[in-house]
Amino acid sequence: MVTGVARDDFEVIAVPRRTIARTAVLTAVFSLVPVLAALLWLTWPTGRWPAVLWVADVAVVVGLLMYWRFRVSYAGVSSTEFFKRGWLPGSVRLPRDAVATVLVARTYRGASTETVPQLIALGHDGEVLFRMRGGYWPDEAITAVTDALGSAVTTVSRPMSGPEFYRTWPESRSWYEGRRWLSTTLVVLAFAVTTGLLALVWQAFTG
């Protein structure tokens, strides 16, 4: 956490979509519980099932740390400054009067017709100061921050696709956004690491 920054310091507080945590928890439970049950069933006759529980404990601790990071995420606006802490490491803290313009656009969510808002804060020289993604922050959070900043607001009238949005404001794109090859690589890598760990556990405690 950033020293000297507390939620009580801000007049307006915005928090992420709570459905994100609920979806993540349900996905983890329905994905990992069957695997855990199968490993316990296979290792029970050998008496080496405690190792499986140890691996499960590690997974739970990692999950709790990720959930904690989500719970401490927020955006705050006071009379003098703006602060934003997302799920990933790092934060944004700047004087409120550094924001000259707030640009609000809507982008399509994936291949559906549903749209989510995107907030981009621009400085007096037109540089991108920060962005709030509608996939992470709910509509009411983005509206609250927009109103609280009190800067000039520019609203894009028509929804945009993700690629069009990134082409228009490339500086607002995070390192992991709009790069399918990166997402695919990370998924394959995570699957390979998980499979390798399970294979090692199985070999070590049933061999």
C-alpha atoms as a PDB file:
ATOM      1  CA  MET A   1       0.000   0.000   0.000  1.00  0.00           C
ATOM      2  CA  VAL A   2       1.087   3.559  -0.630  1.00  0.00           C
ATOM      3  CA  THR A   3       2.212   5.383   2.494  1.00  0.00           C
ATOM      4  CA  GLY A   4      -0.054   8.198   3.576  1.00  0.00           C
ATOM      5  CA  VAL A   5      -3.006   7.187   1.408  1.00  0.00           C
ATOM      6  CA  ALA A   6      -6.189   6.056   3.156  1.00  0.00           C
ATOM      7  CA  ARG A   7      -9.756   5.856   1.955  1.00  0.00           C
ATOM      8  CA  ASP A   8     -10.857   8.333   4.596  1.00  0.00           C
ATOM      9  CA  ASP A   9      -8.716  10.969   2.887  1.00  0.00           C
ATOM     10  CA  PHE A  10     -11.083  11.128  -0.082  1.00  0.00           C
ATOM     11  CA  GLU A  11     -14.517  12.628  -0.537  1.00  0.00           C
ATOM     12  CA  VAL A  12     -15.477  10.237  -3.348  1.00  0.00           C
ATOM     13  CA  ILE A  13     -14.558   6.543  -3.353  1.00  0.00           C
ATOM     14  CA  ALA A  14     -15.073   4.159  -6.271  1.00  0.00           C
ATOM     15  CA  VAL A  15     -14.581   0.396  -6.023  1.00  0.00           C
ATOM     16  CA  PRO A  16     -14.230  -2.321  -8.699  1.00  0.00           C
ATOM     17  CA  ARG A  17     -17.014  -4.573  -9.916  1.00  0.00           C
ATOM     18  CA  ARG A  18     -17.794  -7.052  -7.144  1.00  0.00           C
ATOM     19  CA  THR A  19     -18.903  -9.603  -9.733  1.00  0.00           C
ATOM     20  CA  ILE A  20     -15.253 -10.033 -10.718  1.00  0.00           C
ATOM     21  CA  ALA A  21     -14.358 -11.584  -7.364  1.00  0.00           C
ATOM     22  CA  ARG A  22     -17.472 -13.746  -7.304  1.00  0.00           C
ATOM     23  CA  THR A  23     -16.807 -15.076 -10.805  1.00  0.00           C
ATOM     24  CA  ALA A  24     -13.151 -15.758 -10.003  1.00  0.00           C
ATOM     25  CA  VAL A  25     -14.012 -17.643  -6.806  1.00  0.00           C
ATOM     26  CA  LEU A  26     -16.654 -19.792  -8.505  1.00  0.00           C
ATOM     27  CA  THR A  27     -14.328 -20.549 -11.408  1.00  0.00           C
ATOM     28  CA  ALA A  28     -11.535 -21.572  -9.049  1.00  0.00           C
ATOM     29  CA  VAL A  29     -13.816 -23.757  -6.951  1.00  0.00           C
ATOM     30  CA  PHE A  30     -15.396 -25.595  -9.872  1.00  0.00           C
ATOM     31  CA  SER A  31     -12.015 -26.002 -11.594  1.00  0.00           C
ATOM     32  CA  LEU A  32      -9.802 -27.038  -8.689  1.00  0.00           C
ATOM     33  CA  VAL A  33     -12.105 -29.018  -6.398  1.00  0.00           C
ATOM     34  CA  PRO A  34     -12.560 -31.917  -8.866  1.00  0.00           C
ATOM     35  CA  VAL A  35      -8.782 -32.076  -9.402  1.00  0.00           C
ATOM     36  CA  LEU A  36      -8.168 -32.027  -5.648  1.00  0.00           C
ATOM     37  CA  ALA A  37     -10.745 -34.757  -5.069  1.00  0.00           C
ATOM     38  CA  ALA A  38      -9.196 -36.942  -7.773  1.00  0.00           C
ATOM     39  CA  LEU A  39      -5.684 -36.531  -6.389  1.00  0.00           C
ATOM     40  CA  LEU A  40      -6.845 -37.313  -2.856  1.00  0.00           C
ATOM     41  CA  TRP A  41      -8.614 -40.434  -4.085  1.00  0.00           C
ATOM     42  CA  LEU A  42      -5.517 -41.600  -5.969  1.00  0.00           C
ATOM     43  CA  THR A  43      -3.049 -40.914  -3.145  1.00  0.00           C
ATOM     44  CA  TRP A  44      -5.202 -42.089  -0.237  1.00  0.00           C
ATOM     45  CA  PRO A  45      -4.142 -45.772  -0.488  1.00  0.00           C
ATOM     46  CA  THR A  46      -0.455 -44.790  -0.386  1.00  0.00           C
ATOM     47  CA  GLY A  47      -0.859 -42.542   2.650  1.00  0.00           C
ATOM     48  CA  ARG A  48       0.667 -39.631   0.794  1.00  0.00           C
ATOM     49  CA  TRP A  49      -2.458 -37.533   0.558  1.00  0.00           C
ATOM     50  CA  PRO A  50      -1.036 -34.869   2.975  1.00  0.00           C
ATOM     51  CA  ALA A  51       1.195 -33.694   0.123  1.00  0.00           C
ATOM     52  CA  VAL A  52      -1.895 -33.023  -1.970  1.00  0.00           C
ATOM     53  CA  LEU A  53      -3.391 -31.003   0.858  1.00  0.00           C
ATOM     54  CA  TRP A  54      -0.131 -29.053   1.126  1.00  0.00           C
ATOM     55  CA  VAL A  55      -0.337 -28.100  -2.555  1.00  0.00           C
ATOM     56  CA  ALA A  56      -3.993 -27.170  -2.058  1.00  0.00           C
ATOM     57  CA  ASP A  57      -3.044 -24.967   0.897  1.00  0.00           C
ATOM     58  CA  VAL A  58      -0.507 -23.128  -1.259  1.00  0.00           C
ATOM     59  CA  ALA A  59      -3.164 -22.567  -3.926  1.00  0.00           C
ATOM     60  CA  VAL A  60      -5.579 -21.232  -1.306  1.00  0.00           C
ATOM     61  CA  VAL A  61      -2.966 -18.814   0.064  1.00  0.00           C
ATOM     62  CA  VAL A  62      -2.221 -17.512  -3.434  1.00  0.00           C
ATOM     63  CA  GLY A  63      -5.933 -17.122  -4.078  1.00  0.00           C
ATOM     64  CA  LEU A  64      -6.426 -15.229  -0.824  1.00  0.00           C
ATOM     65  CA  LEU A  65      -3.571 -12.866  -1.667  1.00  0.00           C
ATOM     66  CA  MET A  66      -5.131 -12.170  -5.054  1.00  0.00           C
ATOM     67  CA  TYR A  67      -8.506 -11.590  -3.423  1.00  0.00           C
ATOM     68  CA  TRP A  68      -6.945  -9.236  -0.862  1.00  0.00           C
ATOM     69  CA  ARG A  69      -5.343  -7.247  -3.650  1.00  0.00           C
ATOM     70  CA  PHE A  70      -8.733  -6.933  -5.312  1.00  0.00           C
ATOM     71  CA  ARG A  71     -10.381  -5.819  -2.073  1.00  0.00           C
ATOM     72  CA  VAL A  72      -7.879  -3.005  -1.513  1.00  0.00           C
ATOM     73  CA  SER A  73      -8.361  -1.666  -5.045  1.00  0.00           C
ATOM     74  CA  TYR A  74     -10.151   1.662  -5.252  1.00  0.00           C
ATOM     75  CA  ALA A  75     -10.143   5.080  -6.851  1.00  0.00           C
ATOM     76  CA  GLY A  76     -10.495   8.184  -4.706  1.00  0.00           C
ATOM     77  CA  VAL A  77     -10.964  11.879  -5.359  1.00  0.00           C
ATOM     78  CA  SER A  78     -10.379  14.572  -2.737  1.00  0.00           C
ATOM     79  CA  SER A  79     -10.442  18.333  -3.009  1.00  0.00           C
ATOM     80  CA  THR A  80      -6.781  18.332  -4.037  1.00  0.00           C
ATOM     81  CA  GLU A  81      -5.811  14.982  -5.532  1.00  0.00           C
ATOM     82  CA  PHE A  82      -6.741  11.781  -7.329  1.00  0.00           C
ATOM     83  CA  PHE A  83      -5.567   8.296  -6.379  1.00  0.00           C
ATOM     84  CA  LYS A  84      -6.135   4.934  -8.038  1.00  0.00           C
ATOM     85  CA  ARG A  85      -4.954   1.477  -7.037  1.00  0.00           C
ATOM     86  CA  GLY A  86      -5.898  -1.388  -9.327  1.00  0.00           C
ATOM     87  CA  TRP A  87      -5.451  -5.131  -9.012  1.00  0.00           C
ATOM     88  CA  LEU A  88      -1.988  -5.206 -10.561  1.00  0.00           C
ATOM     89  CA  PRO A  89       0.978  -3.690  -8.684  1.00  0.00           C
ATOM     90  CA  GLY A  90       1.378   0.051  -8.969  1.00  0.00           C
ATOM     91  CA  SER A  91      -0.865   3.037  -8.395  1.00  0.00           C
ATOM     92  CA  VAL A  92      -1.665   6.492  -9.736  1.00  0.00           C
ATOM     93  CA  ARG A  93      -1.512   9.568  -7.514  1.00  0.00           C
ATOM     94  CA  LEU A  94      -1.607  13.088  -8.902  1.00  0.00           C
ATOM     95  CA  PRO A  95      -2.961  16.565  -8.154  1.00  0.00           C
ATOM     96  CA  ARG A  96      -6.578  16.944  -9.096  1.00  0.00           C
ATOM     97  CA  ASP A  97      -5.885  20.089 -11.118  1.00  0.00           C
ATOM     98  CA  ALA A  98      -3.424  18.136 -13.289  1.00  0.00           C
ATOM     99  CA  VAL A  99      -6.442  16.666 -15.088  1.00  0.00           C
ATOM    100  CA  ALA A 100      -7.495  19.048 -17.849  1.00  0.00           C
ATOM    101  CA  THR A 101      -9.991  16.845 -19.682  1.00  0.00           C
ATOM    102  CA  VAL A 102     -11.871  13.653 -18.938  1.00  0.00           C
ATOM    103  CA  LEU A 103     -12.703  11.643 -22.029  1.00  0.00           C
ATOM    104  CA  VAL A 104     -15.442   9.021 -21.758  1.00  0.00           C
ATOM    105  CA  ALA A 105     -15.967   6.438 -24.487  1.00  0.00           C
ATOM    106  CA  ARG A 106     -17.777   3.122 -24.677  1.00  0.00           C
ATOM    107  CA  THR A 107     -16.252  -0.014 -26.135  1.00  0.00           C
ATOM    108  CA  TYR A 108     -17.821  -3.318 -27.057  1.00  0.00           C
ATOM    109  CA  ARG A 109     -17.197  -6.168 -24.659  1.00  0.00           C
ATOM    110  CA  GLY A 110     -15.580  -8.849 -26.799  1.00  0.00           C
ATOM    111  CA  ALA A 111     -17.747  -9.947 -29.724  1.00  0.00           C
ATOM    112  CA  SER A 112     -21.033  -9.024 -28.034  1.00  0.00           C
ATOM    113  CA  THR A 113     -23.145  -5.909 -28.466  1.00  0.00           C
ATOM    114  CA  GLU A 114     -22.760  -5.061 -24.773  1.00  0.00           C
ATOM    115  CA  THR A 115     -20.651  -1.988 -24.110  1.00  0.00           C
ATOM    116  CA  VAL A 116     -18.629  -0.788 -21.140  1.00  0.00           C
ATOM    117  CA  PRO A 117     -17.336   2.719 -20.392  1.00  0.00           C
ATOM    118  CA  GLN A 118     -13.710   3.758 -20.659  1.00  0.00           C
ATOM    119  CA  LEU A 119     -12.438   6.830 -18.817  1.00  0.00           C
ATOM    120  CA  ILE A 120      -9.249   8.535 -19.978  1.00  0.00           C
ATOM    121  CA  ALA A 121      -7.841  11.493 -18.054  1.00  0.00           C
ATOM    122  CA  LEU A 122      -5.776  13.893 -20.135  1.00  0.00           C
ATOM    123  CA  GLY A 123      -3.304  16.457 -18.858  1.00  0.00           C
ATOM    124  CA  HIS A 124      -2.964  20.041 -20.009  1.00  0.00           C
ATOM    125  CA  ASP A 125      -0.531  18.960 -22.736  1.00  0.00           C
ATOM    126  CA  GLY A 126      -2.864  16.212 -23.950  1.00  0.00           C
ATOM    127  CA  GLU A 127      -0.895  13.382 -22.372  1.00  0.00           C
ATOM    128  CA  VAL A 128      -2.749  10.392 -20.925  1.00  0.00           C
ATOM    129  CA  LEU A 129      -2.558  10.547 -17.125  1.00  0.00           C
ATOM    130  CA  PHE A 130      -4.597   7.477 -16.265  1.00  0.00           C
ATOM    131  CA  ARG A 131      -7.418   5.274 -17.469  1.00  0.00           C
ATOM    132  CA  MET A 132     -10.294   3.470 -15.784  1.00  0.00           C
ATOM    133  CA  ARG A 133     -11.456   0.371 -17.668  1.00  0.00           C
ATOM    134  CA  GLY A 134     -15.146  -0.411 -17.678  1.00  0.00           C
ATOM    135  CA  GLY A 135     -14.450  -4.118 -17.493  1.00  0.00           C
ATOM    136  CA  TYR A 136     -12.948  -3.580 -14.038  1.00  0.00           C
ATOM    137  CA  TRP A 137     -14.754  -0.481 -12.768  1.00  0.00           C
ATOM    138  CA  PRO A 138     -18.578  -0.326 -12.889  1.00  0.00           C
ATOM    139  CA  ASP A 139     -20.446   2.420 -14.698  1.00  0.00           C
ATOM    140  CA  GLU A 140     -21.360   4.189 -11.467  1.00  0.00           C
ATOM    141  CA  ALA A 141     -17.708   4.290 -10.381  1.00  0.00           C
ATOM    142  CA  ILE A 142     -16.608   5.922 -13.620  1.00  0.00           C
ATOM    143  CA  THR A 143     -19.498   8.383 -13.433  1.00  0.00           C
ATOM    144  CA  ALA A 144     -18.641   9.262  -9.826  1.00  0.00           C
ATOM    145  CA  VAL A 145     -14.973   9.896 -10.634  1.00  0.00           C
ATOM    146  CA  THR A 146     -15.877  11.933 -13.714  1.00  0.00           C
ATOM    147  CA  ASP A 147     -18.207  14.156 -11.712  1.00  0.00           C
ATOM    148  CA  ALA A 148     -15.821  14.469  -8.758  1.00  0.00           C
ATOM    149  CA  LEU A 149     -12.833  15.547 -10.843  1.00  0.00           C
ATOM    150  CA  GLY A 150     -14.783  18.539 -12.116  1.00  0.00           C
ATOM    151  CA  SER A 151     -12.734  18.773 -15.310  1.00  0.00           C
ATOM    152  CA  ALA A 152     -14.026  19.364 -18.815  1.00  0.00           C
ATOM    153  CA  VAL A 153     -15.707  16.203 -20.114  1.00  0.00           C
ATOM    154  CA  THR A 154     -15.645  14.951 -23.693  1.00  0.00           C
ATOM    155  CA  THR A 155     -18.014  12.085 -24.479  1.00  0.00           C
ATOM    156  CA  VAL A 156     -17.595   9.928 -27.571  1.00  0.00           C
ATOM    157  CA  SER A 157     -21.056   9.553 -29.062  1.00  0.00           C
ATOM    158  CA  ARG A 158     -20.767   6.105 -30.651  1.00  0.00           C
ATOM    159  CA  PRO A 159     -19.413   2.835 -29.234  1.00  0.00           C
ATOM    160  CA  MET A 160     -16.025   1.671 -30.477  1.00  0.00           C
ATOM    161  CA  SER A 161     -14.381  -1.690 -30.903  1.00  0.00           C
ATOM    162  CA  GLY A 162     -11.380  -2.476 -28.750  1.00  0.00           C
ATOM    163  CA  PRO A 163      -8.858  -2.220 -31.603  1.00  0.00           C
ATOM    164  CA  GLU A 164     -10.353   1.101 -32.721  1.00  0.00           C
ATOM    165  CA  PHE A 165     -10.136   2.439 -29.179  1.00  0.00           C
ATOM    166  CA  TYR A 166      -6.481   1.420 -28.865  1.00  0.00           C
ATOM    167  CA  ARG A 167      -5.636   2.943 -32.245  1.00  0.00           C
ATOM    168  CA  THR A 168      -7.247   6.228 -31.242  1.00  0.00           C
ATOM    169  CA  TRP A 169      -5.605   6.424 -27.812  1.00  0.00           C
ATOM    170  CA  PRO A 170      -2.600   4.074 -27.924  1.00  0.00           C
ATOM    171  CA  GLU A 171      -1.064   5.598 -24.790  1.00  0.00           C
ATOM    172  CA  SER A 172      -4.009   4.372 -22.725  1.00  0.00           C
ATOM    173  CA  ARG A 173      -3.462   0.712 -23.506  1.00  0.00           C
ATOM    174  CA  SER A 174      -1.993  -1.456 -20.771  1.00  0.00           C
ATOM    175  CA  TRP A 175       0.817  -3.856 -21.661  1.00  0.00           C
ATOM    176  CA  TYR A 176      -1.532  -6.859 -21.617  1.00  0.00           C
ATOM    177  CA  GLU A 177      -4.465  -5.384 -23.568  1.00  0.00           C
ATOM    178  CA  GLY A 178      -5.277  -5.985 -27.205  1.00  0.00           C
ATOM    179  CA  ARG A 179      -2.525  -8.552 -27.672  1.00  0.00           C
ATOM    180  CA  ARG A 180      -4.066 -11.961 -28.330  1.00  0.00           C
ATOM    181  CA  TRP A 181      -0.686 -13.607 -28.784  1.00  0.00           C
ATOM    182  CA  LEU A 182       0.258 -12.554 -25.262  1.00  0.00           C
ATOM    183  CA  SER A 183      -2.987 -13.869 -23.769  1.00  0.00           C
ATOM    184  CA  THR A 184      -2.592 -17.169 -25.609  1.00  0.00           C
ATOM    185  CA  THR A 185       1.023 -17.495 -24.497  1.00  0.00           C
ATOM    186  CA  LEU A 186       0.138 -16.827 -20.861  1.00  0.00           C
ATOM    187  CA  VAL A 187      -2.706 -19.373 -20.918  1.00  0.00           C
ATOM    188  CA  VAL A 188      -0.494 -22.044 -22.499  1.00  0.00           C
ATOM    189  CA  LEU A 189       2.312 -21.280 -20.045  1.00  0.00           C
ATOM    190  CA  ALA A 190      -0.021 -21.448 -17.043  1.00  0.00           C
ATOM    191  CA  PHE A 191      -1.441 -24.761 -18.270  1.00  0.00           C
ATOM    192  CA  ALA A 192       2.057 -26.169 -18.823  1.00  0.00           C
ATOM    193  CA  VAL A 193       3.261 -25.082 -15.379  1.00  0.00           C
ATOM    194  CA  THR A 194       0.167 -26.485 -13.667  1.00  0.00           C
ATOM    195  CA  THR A 195       0.436 -29.774 -15.537  1.00  0.00           C
ATOM    196  CA  GLY A 196       4.126 -30.017 -14.706  1.00  0.00           C
ATOM    197  CA  LEU A 197       3.542 -29.379 -11.013  1.00  0.00           C
ATOM    198  CA  LEU A 198       0.782 -31.976 -10.852  1.00  0.00           C
ATOM    199  CA  ALA A 199       3.014 -34.489 -12.634  1.00  0.00           C
ATOM    200  CA  LEU A 200       5.847 -33.837 -10.177  1.00  0.00           C
ATOM    201  CA  VAL A 201       3.527 -34.217  -7.203  1.00  0.00           C
ATOM    202  CA  TRP A 202       2.139 -37.442  -8.609  1.00  0.00           C
ATOM    203  CA  GLN A 203       5.602 -38.854  -9.323  1.00  0.00           C
ATOM    204  CA  ALA A 204       7.016 -37.855  -5.955  1.00  0.00           C
ATOM    205  CA  PHE A 205       4.233 -39.193  -3.807  1.00  0.00           C
ATOM    206  CA  THR A 206       3.070 -42.277  -5.681  1.00  0.00           C
ATOM    207  CA  GLY A 207       6.370 -43.546  -7.070  1.00  0.00           C
END
